[in-house]
Amino acid sequence: SQKHHIRHFTPKIAFIGRSNVGKSSLLNDLVQKPLAAAAKKPG
């Protein structure tokens, strides 16, 4: 049911890129709080 909810929910934005490019950091900056685990080491 959670997968169904996500699949059909709009809008949604997925962040993709190489390891250590800053996906989690960007997400945290957007919501202005440490939500996603951002690490200095890739992967």
PDB file of all heavy atoms in Angstrom:
ATOM      1  N   SER A   1       0.829  -1.216   0.000  1.00  0.00           N
ATOM      2  CA  SER A   1       0.000   0.000   0.000  1.00  0.00           C
ATOM      3  C   SER A   1       0.863   1.266   0.000  1.00  0.00           C
ATOM      4  O   SER A   1       0.507   2.258  -0.633  1.00  0.00           O
ATOM      5  CB  SER A   1      -0.973   0.001   1.179  1.00  0.00           C
ATOM      6  OG  SER A   1      -0.275   0.069   2.397  1.00  0.00           O
ATOM      7  N   GLN A   2       2.002   1.235   0.701  1.00  0.00           N
ATOM      8  CA  GLN A   2       2.900   2.392   0.677  1.00  0.00           C
ATOM      9  C   GLN A   2       3.493   2.575  -0.717  1.00  0.00           C
ATOM     10  O   GLN A   2       3.589   3.701  -1.210  1.00  0.00           O
ATOM     11  CB  GLN A   2       4.022   2.222   1.703  1.00  0.00           C
ATOM     12  CG  GLN A   2       3.567   2.364   3.133  1.00  0.00           C
ATOM     13  CD  GLN A   2       4.646   1.988   4.116  1.00  0.00           C
ATOM     14  OE1 GLN A   2       5.355   0.994   3.956  1.00  0.00           O
ATOM     15  NE2 GLN A   2       4.792   2.796   5.160  1.00  0.00           N
ATOM     16  N   LYS A   3       3.879   1.480  -1.371  1.00  0.00           N
ATOM     17  CA  LYS A   3       4.422   1.571  -2.723  1.00  0.00           C
ATOM     18  C   LYS A   3       3.371   2.116  -3.684  1.00  0.00           C
ATOM     19  O   LYS A   3       3.678   2.955  -4.532  1.00  0.00           O
ATOM     20  CB  LYS A   3       4.930   0.199  -3.192  1.00  0.00           C
ATOM     21  CG  LYS A   3       6.215  -0.204  -2.512  1.00  0.00           C
ATOM     22  CD  LYS A   3       6.739  -1.530  -3.037  1.00  0.00           C
ATOM     23  CE  LYS A   3       8.063  -1.864  -2.365  1.00  0.00           C
ATOM     24  NZ  LYS A   3       8.681  -3.069  -2.894  1.00  0.00           N
ATOM     25  N   HIS A   4       2.136   1.654  -3.542  1.00  0.00           N
ATOM     26  CA  HIS A   4       1.049   2.146  -4.388  1.00  0.00           C
ATOM     27  C   HIS A   4       0.858   3.650  -4.174  1.00  0.00           C
ATOM     28  O   HIS A   4       0.703   4.413  -5.128  1.00  0.00           O
ATOM     29  CB  HIS A   4      -0.249   1.391  -4.080  1.00  0.00           C
ATOM     30  CG  HIS A   4      -1.425   1.886  -4.845  1.00  0.00           C
ATOM     31  ND1 HIS A   4      -1.627   1.569  -6.182  1.00  0.00           N
ATOM     32  CD2 HIS A   4      -2.451   2.694  -4.495  1.00  0.00           C
ATOM     33  CE1 HIS A   4      -2.728   2.159  -6.601  1.00  0.00           C
ATOM     34  NE2 HIS A   4      -3.241   2.849  -5.591  1.00  0.00           N
ATOM     35  N   HIS A   5       0.879   4.070  -2.916  1.00  0.00           N
ATOM     36  CA  HIS A   5       0.702   5.491  -2.586  1.00  0.00           C
ATOM     37  C   HIS A   5       1.801   6.333  -3.240  1.00  0.00           C
ATOM     38  O   HIS A   5       1.520   7.362  -3.857  1.00  0.00           O
ATOM     39  CB  HIS A   5       0.712   5.670  -1.070  1.00  0.00           C
ATOM     40  CG  HIS A   5       0.518   7.073  -0.620  1.00  0.00           C
ATOM     41  ND1 HIS A   5      -0.652   7.762  -0.818  1.00  0.00           N
ATOM     42  CD2 HIS A   5       1.354   7.934   0.011  1.00  0.00           C
ATOM     43  CE1 HIS A   5      -0.524   8.990  -0.321  1.00  0.00           C
ATOM     44  NE2 HIS A   5       0.679   9.109   0.177  1.00  0.00           N
ATOM     45  N   ILE A   6       3.036   5.886  -3.126  1.00  0.00           N
ATOM     46  CA  ILE A   6       4.151   6.641  -3.703  1.00  0.00           C
ATOM     47  C   ILE A   6       4.060   6.657  -5.228  1.00  0.00           C
ATOM     48  O   ILE A   6       4.249   7.695  -5.858  1.00  0.00           O
ATOM     49  CB  ILE A   6       5.505   6.068  -3.241  1.00  0.00           C
ATOM     50  CG1 ILE A   6       5.675   6.280  -1.734  1.00  0.00           C
ATOM     51  CG2 ILE A   6       6.662   6.717  -4.007  1.00  0.00           C
ATOM     52  CD1 ILE A   6       6.811   5.498  -1.117  1.00  0.00           C
ATOM     53  N   ARG A   7       3.777   5.507  -5.842  1.00  0.00           N
ATOM     54  CA  ARG A   7       3.706   5.431  -7.308  1.00  0.00           C
ATOM     55  C   ARG A   7       2.674   6.396  -7.881  1.00  0.00           C
ATOM     56  O   ARG A   7       2.861   6.958  -8.942  1.00  0.00           O
ATOM     57  CB  ARG A   7       3.364   4.013  -7.752  1.00  0.00           C
ATOM     58  CG  ARG A   7       4.545   3.104  -7.799  1.00  0.00           C
ATOM     59  CD  ARG A   7       4.228   1.817  -8.550  1.00  0.00           C
ATOM     60  NE  ARG A   7       5.419   1.029  -8.708  1.00  0.00           N
ATOM     61  CZ  ARG A   7       5.652  -0.107  -8.047  1.00  0.00           C
ATOM     62  NH1 ARG A   7       4.763  -0.579  -7.214  1.00  0.00           N
ATOM     63  NH2 ARG A   7       6.781  -0.756  -8.243  1.00  0.00           N
ATOM     64  N   HIS A   8       1.560   6.562  -7.187  1.00  0.00           N
ATOM     65  CA  HIS A   8       0.463   7.368  -7.720  1.00  0.00           C
ATOM     66  C   HIS A   8       0.403   8.785  -7.165  1.00  0.00           C
ATOM     67  O   HIS A   8      -0.428   9.578  -7.579  1.00  0.00           O
ATOM     68  CB  HIS A   8      -0.866   6.645  -7.475  1.00  0.00           C
ATOM     69  CG  HIS A   8      -0.957   5.382  -8.276  1.00  0.00           C
ATOM     70  ND1 HIS A   8      -0.473   4.182  -7.819  1.00  0.00           N
ATOM     71  CD2 HIS A   8      -1.421   5.156  -9.518  1.00  0.00           C
ATOM     72  CE1 HIS A   8      -0.654   3.258  -8.738  1.00  0.00           C
ATOM     73  NE2 HIS A   8      -1.224   3.820  -9.786  1.00  0.00           N
ATOM     74  N   PHE A   9       1.277   9.092  -6.232  1.00  0.00           N
ATOM     75  CA  PHE A   9       1.304  10.422  -5.614  1.00  0.00           C
ATOM     76  C   PHE A   9       2.050  11.378  -6.531  1.00  0.00           C
ATOM     77  O   PHE A   9       3.078  11.045  -7.095  1.00  0.00           O
ATOM     78  CB  PHE A   9       2.036  10.332  -4.270  1.00  0.00           C
ATOM     79  CG  PHE A   9       1.878  11.541  -3.405  1.00  0.00           C
ATOM     80  CD1 PHE A   9       0.911  11.566  -2.423  1.00  0.00           C
ATOM     81  CD2 PHE A   9       2.708  12.643  -3.548  1.00  0.00           C
ATOM     82  CE1 PHE A   9       0.770  12.667  -1.589  1.00  0.00           C
ATOM     83  CE2 PHE A   9       2.566  13.745  -2.738  1.00  0.00           C
ATOM     84  CZ  PHE A   9       1.593  13.755  -1.755  1.00  0.00           C
ATOM     85  N   THR A  10       1.534  12.564  -6.696  1.00  0.00           N
ATOM     86  CA  THR A  10       2.249  13.594  -7.439  1.00  0.00           C
ATOM     87  C   THR A  10       2.144  14.900  -6.673  1.00  0.00           C
ATOM     88  O   THR A  10       1.143  15.150  -6.021  1.00  0.00           O
ATOM     89  CB  THR A  10       1.680  13.794  -8.860  1.00  0.00           C
ATOM     90  OG1 THR A  10       0.321  14.123  -8.763  1.00  0.00           O
ATOM     91  CG2 THR A  10       1.860  12.556  -9.707  1.00  0.00           C
ATOM     92  N   PRO A  11       3.136  15.706  -6.735  1.00  0.00           N
ATOM     93  CA  PRO A  11       4.411  15.546  -7.432  1.00  0.00           C
ATOM     94  C   PRO A  11       5.415  14.770  -6.586  1.00  0.00           C
ATOM     95  O   PRO A  11       5.273  14.661  -5.369  1.00  0.00           O
ATOM     96  CB  PRO A  11       4.881  16.976  -7.641  1.00  0.00           C
ATOM     97  CG  PRO A  11       4.335  17.705  -6.463  1.00  0.00           C
ATOM     98  CD  PRO A  11       3.020  17.033  -6.143  1.00  0.00           C
ATOM     99  N   LYS A  12       6.424  14.253  -7.255  1.00  0.00           N
ATOM    100  CA  LYS A  12       7.543  13.611  -6.576  1.00  0.00           C
ATOM    101  C   LYS A  12       8.805  13.862  -7.393  1.00  0.00           C
ATOM    102  O   LYS A  12       8.756  13.901  -8.622  1.00  0.00           O
ATOM    103  CB  LYS A  12       7.304  12.136  -6.315  1.00  0.00           C
ATOM    104  CG  LYS A  12       7.007  11.320  -7.526  1.00  0.00           C
ATOM    105  CD  LYS A  12       6.633   9.893  -7.105  1.00  0.00           C
ATOM    106  CE  LYS A  12       6.041   9.152  -8.258  1.00  0.00           C
ATOM    107  NZ  LYS A  12       4.617   9.140  -8.300  1.00  0.00           N
ATOM    108  N   ILE A  13       9.893  14.047  -6.676  1.00  0.00           N
ATOM    109  CA  ILE A  13      11.175  14.344  -7.305  1.00  0.00           C
ATOM    110  C   ILE A  13      12.212  13.364  -6.768  1.00  0.00           C
ATOM    111  O   ILE A  13      12.379  13.237  -5.555  1.00  0.00           O
ATOM    112  CB  ILE A  13      11.638  15.785  -7.003  1.00  0.00           C
ATOM    113  CG1 ILE A  13      10.587  16.799  -7.450  1.00  0.00           C
ATOM    114  CG2 ILE A  13      12.985  16.066  -7.670  1.00  0.00           C
ATOM    115  CD1 ILE A  13      10.838  18.201  -6.939  1.00  0.00           C
ATOM    116  N   ALA A  14      12.884  12.666  -7.671  1.00  0.00           N
ATOM    117  CA  ALA A  14      13.947  11.733  -7.300  1.00  0.00           C
ATOM    118  C   ALA A  14      15.294  12.371  -7.624  1.00  0.00           C
ATOM    119  O   ALA A  14      15.472  12.960  -8.685  1.00  0.00           O
ATOM    120  CB  ALA A  14      13.783  10.418  -8.040  1.00  0.00           C
ATOM    121  N   PHE A  15      16.225  12.239  -6.700  1.00  0.00           N
ATOM    122  CA  PHE A  15      17.574  12.774  -6.876  1.00  0.00           C
ATOM    123  C   PHE A  15      18.510  11.625  -7.227  1.00  0.00           C
ATOM    124  O   PHE A  15      18.612  10.646  -6.485  1.00  0.00           O
ATOM    125  CB  PHE A  15      18.048  13.473  -5.601  1.00  0.00           C
ATOM    126  CG  PHE A  15      17.219  14.676  -5.268  1.00  0.00           C
ATOM    127  CD1 PHE A  15      16.081  14.562  -4.489  1.00  0.00           C
ATOM    128  CD2 PHE A  15      17.564  15.910  -5.769  1.00  0.00           C
ATOM    129  CE1 PHE A  15      15.306  15.670  -4.197  1.00  0.00           C
ATOM    130  CE2 PHE A  15      16.792  17.029  -5.487  1.00  0.00           C
ATOM    131  CZ  PHE A  15      15.656  16.910  -4.695  1.00  0.00           C
ATOM    132  N   ILE A  16      19.171  11.758  -8.381  1.00  0.00           N
ATOM    133  CA  ILE A  16      20.070  10.718  -8.863  1.00  0.00           C
ATOM    134  C   ILE A  16      21.405  11.343  -9.236  1.00  0.00           C
ATOM    135  O   ILE A  16      21.466  12.514  -9.600  1.00  0.00           O
ATOM    136  CB  ILE A  16      19.444   9.960 -10.055  1.00  0.00           C
ATOM    137  CG1 ILE A  16      20.225   8.696 -10.379  1.00  0.00           C
ATOM    138  CG2 ILE A  16      19.302  10.847 -11.273  1.00  0.00           C
ATOM    139  CD1 ILE A  16      19.497   7.737 -11.288  1.00  0.00           C
ATOM    140  N   GLY A  17      22.455  10.566  -9.118  1.00  0.00           N
ATOM    141  CA  GLY A  17      23.784  11.042  -9.481  1.00  0.00           C
ATOM    142  C   GLY A  17      24.839  10.115  -8.908  1.00  0.00           C
ATOM    143  O   GLY A  17      24.525   9.154  -8.199  1.00  0.00           O
ATOM    144  N   ARG A  18      26.087  10.423  -9.206  1.00  0.00           N
ATOM    145  CA  ARG A  18      27.192   9.619  -8.697  1.00  0.00           C
ATOM    146  C   ARG A  18      27.226   9.656  -7.175  1.00  0.00           C
ATOM    147  O   ARG A  18      26.689  10.566  -6.552  1.00  0.00           O
ATOM    148  CB  ARG A  18      28.526  10.157  -9.221  1.00  0.00           C
ATOM    149  CG  ARG A  18      28.719   9.966 -10.713  1.00  0.00           C
ATOM    150  CD  ARG A  18      30.078  10.481 -11.158  1.00  0.00           C
ATOM    151  NE  ARG A  18      31.163   9.727 -10.570  1.00  0.00           N
ATOM    152  CZ  ARG A  18      31.638   8.578 -11.067  1.00  0.00           C
ATOM    153  NH1 ARG A  18      31.107   8.059 -12.154  1.00  0.00           N
ATOM    154  NH2 ARG A  18      32.635   7.957 -10.476  1.00  0.00           N
ATOM    155  N   SER A  19      27.885   8.664  -6.606  1.00  0.00           N
ATOM    156  CA  SER A  19      28.118   8.674  -5.166  1.00  0.00           C
ATOM    157  C   SER A  19      28.899   9.931  -4.805  1.00  0.00           C
ATOM    158  O   SER A  19      29.812  10.324  -5.530  1.00  0.00           O
ATOM    159  CB  SER A  19      28.917   7.437  -4.751  1.00  0.00           C
ATOM    160  OG  SER A  19      28.187   6.276  -5.014  1.00  0.00           O
ATOM    161  N   ASN A  20      28.534  10.556  -3.721  1.00  0.00           N
ATOM    162  CA  ASN A  20      29.230  11.724  -3.185  1.00  0.00           C
ATOM    163  C   ASN A  20      29.090  12.985  -4.031  1.00  0.00           C
ATOM    164  O   ASN A  20      29.906  13.887  -3.938  1.00  0.00           O
ATOM    165  CB  ASN A  20      30.711  11.401  -2.959  1.00  0.00           C
ATOM    166  CG  ASN A  20      31.279  12.157  -1.782  1.00  0.00           C
ATOM    167  OD1 ASN A  20      30.570  12.423  -0.823  1.00  0.00           O
ATOM    168  ND2 ASN A  20      32.544  12.502  -1.840  1.00  0.00           N
ATOM    169  N   VAL A  21      28.044  13.071  -4.869  1.00  0.00           N
ATOM    170  CA  VAL A  21      27.841  14.289  -5.656  1.00  0.00           C
ATOM    171  C   VAL A  21      27.048  15.327  -4.853  1.00  0.00           C
ATOM    172  O   VAL A  21      27.047  16.497  -5.190  1.00  0.00           O
ATOM    173  CB  VAL A  21      27.147  13.984  -7.007  1.00  0.00           C
ATOM    174  CG1 VAL A  21      25.679  13.669  -6.824  1.00  0.00           C
ATOM    175  CG2 VAL A  21      27.342  15.112  -8.001  1.00  0.00           C
ATOM    176  N   GLY A  22      26.368  14.885  -3.792  1.00  0.00           N
ATOM    177  CA  GLY A  22      25.660  15.828  -2.934  1.00  0.00           C
ATOM    178  C   GLY A  22      24.148  15.701  -2.961  1.00  0.00           C
ATOM    179  O   GLY A  22      23.444  16.652  -2.631  1.00  0.00           O
ATOM    180  N   LYS A  23      23.623  14.546  -3.314  1.00  0.00           N
ATOM    181  CA  LYS A  23      22.172  14.357  -3.377  1.00  0.00           C
ATOM    182  C   LYS A  23      21.525  14.564  -2.007  1.00  0.00           C
ATOM    183  O   LYS A  23      20.567  15.322  -1.867  1.00  0.00           O
ATOM    184  CB  LYS A  23      21.833  12.954  -3.907  1.00  0.00           C
ATOM    185  CG  LYS A  23      22.302  12.705  -5.333  1.00  0.00           C
ATOM    186  CD  LYS A  23      22.038  11.286  -5.778  1.00  0.00           C
ATOM    187  CE  LYS A  23      22.762  10.245  -4.970  1.00  0.00           C
ATOM    188  NZ  LYS A  23      24.224  10.264  -5.070  1.00  0.00           N
ATOM    189  N   SER A  24      22.047  13.882  -1.001  1.00  0.00           N
ATOM    190  CA  SER A  24      21.479  13.996   0.346  1.00  0.00           C
ATOM    191  C   SER A  24      21.653  15.412   0.896  1.00  0.00           C
ATOM    192  O   SER A  24      20.747  15.960   1.542  1.00  0.00           O
ATOM    193  CB  SER A  24      22.119  12.977   1.289  1.00  0.00           C
ATOM    194  OG  SER A  24      21.877  11.663   0.837  1.00  0.00           O
ATOM    195  N   SER A  25      22.792  16.010   0.638  1.00  0.00           N
ATOM    196  CA  SER A  25      23.031  17.385   1.106  1.00  0.00           C
ATOM    197  C   SER A  25      22.060  18.361   0.450  1.00  0.00           C
ATOM    198  O   SER A  25      21.530  19.262   1.118  1.00  0.00           O
ATOM    199  CB  SER A  25      24.466  17.805   0.811  1.00  0.00           C
ATOM    200  OG  SER A  25      25.365  17.013   1.540  1.00  0.00           O
ATOM    201  N   LEU A  26      21.809  18.207  -0.842  1.00  0.00           N
ATOM    202  CA  LEU A  26      20.851  19.070  -1.527  1.00  0.00           C
ATOM    203  C   LEU A  26      19.460  18.899  -0.939  1.00  0.00           C
ATOM    204  O   LEU A  26      18.761  19.878  -0.684  1.00  0.00           O
ATOM    205  CB  LEU A  26      20.831  18.779  -3.029  1.00  0.00           C
ATOM    206  CG  LEU A  26      19.758  19.526  -3.825  1.00  0.00           C
ATOM    207  CD1 LEU A  26      19.961  21.045  -3.735  1.00  0.00           C
ATOM    208  CD2 LEU A  26      19.763  19.069  -5.281  1.00  0.00           C
ATOM    209  N   LEU A  27      19.074  17.662  -0.702  1.00  0.00           N
ATOM    210  CA  LEU A  27      17.766  17.406  -0.114  1.00  0.00           C
ATOM    211  C   LEU A  27      17.651  18.101   1.251  1.00  0.00           C
ATOM    212  O   LEU A  27      16.654  18.752   1.540  1.00  0.00           O
ATOM    213  CB  LEU A  27      17.574  15.894   0.028  1.00  0.00           C
ATOM    214  CG  LEU A  27      16.160  15.421   0.255  1.00  0.00           C
ATOM    215  CD1 LEU A  27      15.955  14.086  -0.430  1.00  0.00           C
ATOM    216  CD2 LEU A  27      15.847  15.314   1.711  1.00  0.00           C
ATOM    217  N   ASN A  28      18.687  17.988   2.066  1.00  0.00           N
ATOM    218  CA  ASN A  28      18.691  18.651   3.375  1.00  0.00           C
ATOM    219  C   ASN A  28      18.609  20.167   3.235  1.00  0.00           C
ATOM    220  O   ASN A  28      17.923  20.834   4.016  1.00  0.00           O
ATOM    221  CB  ASN A  28      19.938  18.263   4.166  1.00  0.00           C
ATOM    222  CG  ASN A  28      19.891  16.828   4.635  1.00  0.00           C
ATOM    223  OD1 ASN A  28      18.829  16.216   4.737  1.00  0.00           O
ATOM    224  ND2 ASN A  28      21.050  16.266   4.921  1.00  0.00           N
ATOM    225  N   ASP A  29      19.311  20.719   2.260  1.00  0.00           N
ATOM    226  CA  ASP A  29      19.253  22.164   2.031  1.00  0.00           C
ATOM    227  C   ASP A  29      17.855  22.601   1.610  1.00  0.00           C
ATOM    228  O   ASP A  29      17.374  23.661   2.030  1.00  0.00           O
ATOM    229  CB  ASP A  29      20.264  22.597   0.971  1.00  0.00           C
ATOM    230  CG  ASP A  29      21.695  22.603   1.483  1.00  0.00           C
ATOM    231  OD1 ASP A  29      21.891  22.540   2.719  1.00  0.00           O
ATOM    232  OD2 ASP A  29      22.617  22.667   0.654  1.00  0.00           O
ATOM    233  N   LEU A  30      17.196  21.804   0.785  1.00  0.00           N
ATOM    234  CA  LEU A  30      15.845  22.150   0.332  1.00  0.00           C
ATOM    235  C   LEU A  30      14.845  22.215   1.484  1.00  0.00           C
ATOM    236  O   LEU A  30      14.022  23.119   1.537  1.00  0.00           O
ATOM    237  CB  LEU A  30      15.344  21.152  -0.716  1.00  0.00           C
ATOM    238  CG  LEU A  30      15.983  21.236  -2.087  1.00  0.00           C
ATOM    239  CD1 LEU A  30      15.541  20.058  -2.954  1.00  0.00           C
ATOM    240  CD2 LEU A  30      15.648  22.558  -2.761  1.00  0.00           C
ATOM    241  N   VAL A  31      14.926  21.241   2.389  1.00  0.00           N
ATOM    242  CA  VAL A  31      13.970  21.212   3.501  1.00  0.00           C
ATOM    243  C   VAL A  31      14.491  21.945   4.730  1.00  0.00           C
ATOM    244  O   VAL A  31      13.794  22.064   5.726  1.00  0.00           O
ATOM    245  CB  VAL A  31      13.549  19.772   3.864  1.00  0.00           C
ATOM    246  CG1 VAL A  31      12.864  19.106   2.691  1.00  0.00           C
ATOM    247  CG2 VAL A  31      14.719  18.942   4.355  1.00  0.00           C
ATOM    248  N   GLN A  32      15.714  22.428   4.654  1.00  0.00           N
ATOM    249  CA  GLN A  32      16.360  23.222   5.692  1.00  0.00           C
ATOM    250  C   GLN A  32      16.418  22.515   7.039  1.00  0.00           C
ATOM    251  O   GLN A  32      16.189  23.112   8.096  1.00  0.00           O
ATOM    252  CB  GLN A  32      15.675  24.587   5.809  1.00  0.00           C
ATOM    253  CG  GLN A  32      15.787  25.380   4.535  1.00  0.00           C
ATOM    254  CD  GLN A  32      15.073  26.706   4.589  1.00  0.00           C
ATOM    255  OE1 GLN A  32      14.657  27.164   5.645  1.00  0.00           O
ATOM    256  NE2 GLN A  32      14.943  27.326   3.443  1.00  0.00           N
ATOM    257  N   LYS A  33      16.727  21.211   6.974  1.00  0.00           N
ATOM    258  CA  LYS A  33      16.983  20.449   8.192  1.00  0.00           C
ATOM    259  C   LYS A  33      17.712  19.165   7.817  1.00  0.00           C
ATOM    260  O   LYS A  33      17.633  18.720   6.667  1.00  0.00           O
ATOM    261  CB  LYS A  33      15.703  20.174   8.970  1.00  0.00           C
ATOM    262  CG  LYS A  33      14.731  19.213   8.346  1.00  0.00           C
ATOM    263  CD  LYS A  33      13.469  19.151   9.192  1.00  0.00           C
ATOM    264  CE  LYS A  33      12.888  17.783   9.274  1.00  0.00           C
ATOM    265  NZ  LYS A  33      11.695  17.728  10.076  1.00  0.00           N
ATOM    266  N   PRO A  34      18.424  18.555   8.758  1.00  0.00           N
ATOM    267  CA  PRO A  34      19.184  17.337   8.456  1.00  0.00           C
ATOM    268  C   PRO A  34      18.281  16.102   8.394  1.00  0.00           C
ATOM    269  O   PRO A  34      18.210  15.324   9.332  1.00  0.00           O
ATOM    270  CB  PRO A  34      20.182  17.251   9.611  1.00  0.00           C
ATOM    271  CG  PRO A  34      19.495  17.932  10.744  1.00  0.00           C
ATOM    272  CD  PRO A  34      18.653  19.020  10.121  1.00  0.00           C
ATOM    273  N   LEU A  35      17.606  15.947   7.290  1.00  0.00           N
ATOM    274  CA  LEU A  35      16.658  14.853   7.106  1.00  0.00           C
ATOM    275  C   LEU A  35      17.345  13.618   6.530  1.00  0.00           C
ATOM    276  O   LEU A  35      17.201  12.514   7.035  1.00  0.00           O
ATOM    277  CB  LEU A  35      15.543  15.326   6.176  1.00  0.00           C
ATOM    278  CG  LEU A  35      14.293  14.502   6.058  1.00  0.00           C
ATOM    279  CD1 LEU A  35      13.610  14.347   7.399  1.00  0.00           C
ATOM    280  CD2 LEU A  35      13.336  15.167   5.081  1.00  0.00           C
ATOM    281  N   ALA A  36      18.105  13.809   5.460  1.00  0.00           N
ATOM    282  CA  ALA A  36      18.804  12.709   4.799  1.00  0.00           C
ATOM    283  C   ALA A  36      20.211  12.574   5.368  1.00  0.00           C
ATOM    284  O   ALA A  36      20.855  13.573   5.673  1.00  0.00           O
ATOM    285  CB  ALA A  36      18.872  12.971   3.296  1.00  0.00           C
ATOM    286  N   ALA A  37      20.679  11.351   5.490  1.00  0.00           N
ATOM    287  CA  ALA A  37      22.032  11.111   5.998  1.00  0.00           C
ATOM    288  C   ALA A  37      23.044  11.501   4.931  1.00  0.00           C
ATOM    289  O   ALA A  37      23.122  10.881   3.889  1.00  0.00           O
ATOM    290  CB  ALA A  37      22.198   9.648   6.379  1.00  0.00           C
ATOM    291  N   ALA A  38      23.786  12.562   5.200  1.00  0.00           N
ATOM    292  CA  ALA A  38      24.825  13.032   4.271  1.00  0.00           C
ATOM    293  C   ALA A  38      26.173  12.722   4.902  1.00  0.00           C
ATOM    294  O   ALA A  38      26.425  13.071   6.048  1.00  0.00           O
ATOM    295  CB  ALA A  38      24.677  14.526   4.023  1.00  0.00           C
ATOM    296  N   ALA A  39      27.018  12.032   4.146  1.00  0.00           N
ATOM    297  CA  ALA A  39      28.320  11.629   4.667  1.00  0.00           C
ATOM    298  C   ALA A  39      29.434  12.168   3.782  1.00  0.00           C
ATOM    299  O   ALA A  39      29.215  12.503   2.619  1.00  0.00           O
ATOM    300  CB  ALA A  39      28.400  10.107   4.731  1.00  0.00           C
ATOM    301  N   LYS A  40      30.617  12.230   4.332  1.00  0.00           N
ATOM    302  CA  LYS A  40      31.767  12.680   3.550  1.00  0.00           C
ATOM    303  C   LYS A  40      32.288  11.575   2.652  1.00  0.00           C
ATOM    304  O   LYS A  40      32.890  11.841   1.628  1.00  0.00           O
ATOM    305  CB  LYS A  40      32.867  13.174   4.480  1.00  0.00           C
ATOM    306  CG  LYS A  40      32.481  14.447   5.193  1.00  0.00           C
ATOM    307  CD  LYS A  40      33.589  14.996   6.035  1.00  0.00           C
ATOM    308  CE  LYS A  40      33.085  16.266   6.698  1.00  0.00           C
ATOM    309  NZ  LYS A  40      34.076  16.908   7.501  1.00  0.00           N
ATOM    310  N   LYS A  41      32.063  10.326   3.039  1.00  0.00           N
ATOM    311  CA  LYS A  41      32.507   9.189   2.227  1.00  0.00           C
ATOM    312  C   LYS A  41      31.417   8.817   1.227  1.00  0.00           C
ATOM    313  O   LYS A  41      30.234   8.815   1.567  1.00  0.00           O
ATOM    314  CB  LYS A  41      32.825   7.991   3.114  1.00  0.00           C
ATOM    315  CG  LYS A  41      34.017   8.213   4.017  1.00  0.00           C
ATOM    316  CD  LYS A  41      34.310   6.976   4.818  1.00  0.00           C
ATOM    317  CE  LYS A  41      35.491   7.211   5.741  1.00  0.00           C
ATOM    318  NZ  LYS A  41      35.780   6.010   6.531  1.00  0.00           N
ATOM    319  N   PRO A  42      31.792   8.479   0.002  1.00  0.00           N
ATOM    320  CA  PRO A  42      30.792   8.126  -1.012  1.00  0.00           C
ATOM    321  C   PRO A  42      30.136   6.778  -0.750  1.00  0.00           C
ATOM    322  O   PRO A  42      30.694   5.919  -0.080  1.00  0.00           O
ATOM    323  CB  PRO A  42      31.604   8.091  -2.310  1.00  0.00           C
ATOM    324  CG  PRO A  42      33.009   7.879  -1.892  1.00  0.00           C
ATOM    325  CD  PRO A  42      33.149   8.479  -0.535  1.00  0.00           C
ATOM    326  N   GLY A  43      28.921   6.644  -1.273  1.00  0.00           N
ATOM    327  CA  GLY A  43      28.229   5.362  -1.235  1.00  0.00           C
ATOM    328  C   GLY A  43      27.544   5.039   0.073  1.00  0.00           C
ATOM    329  O   GLY A  43      27.354   3.880   0.419  1.00  0.00           O
TER     330      GLY A  43
END
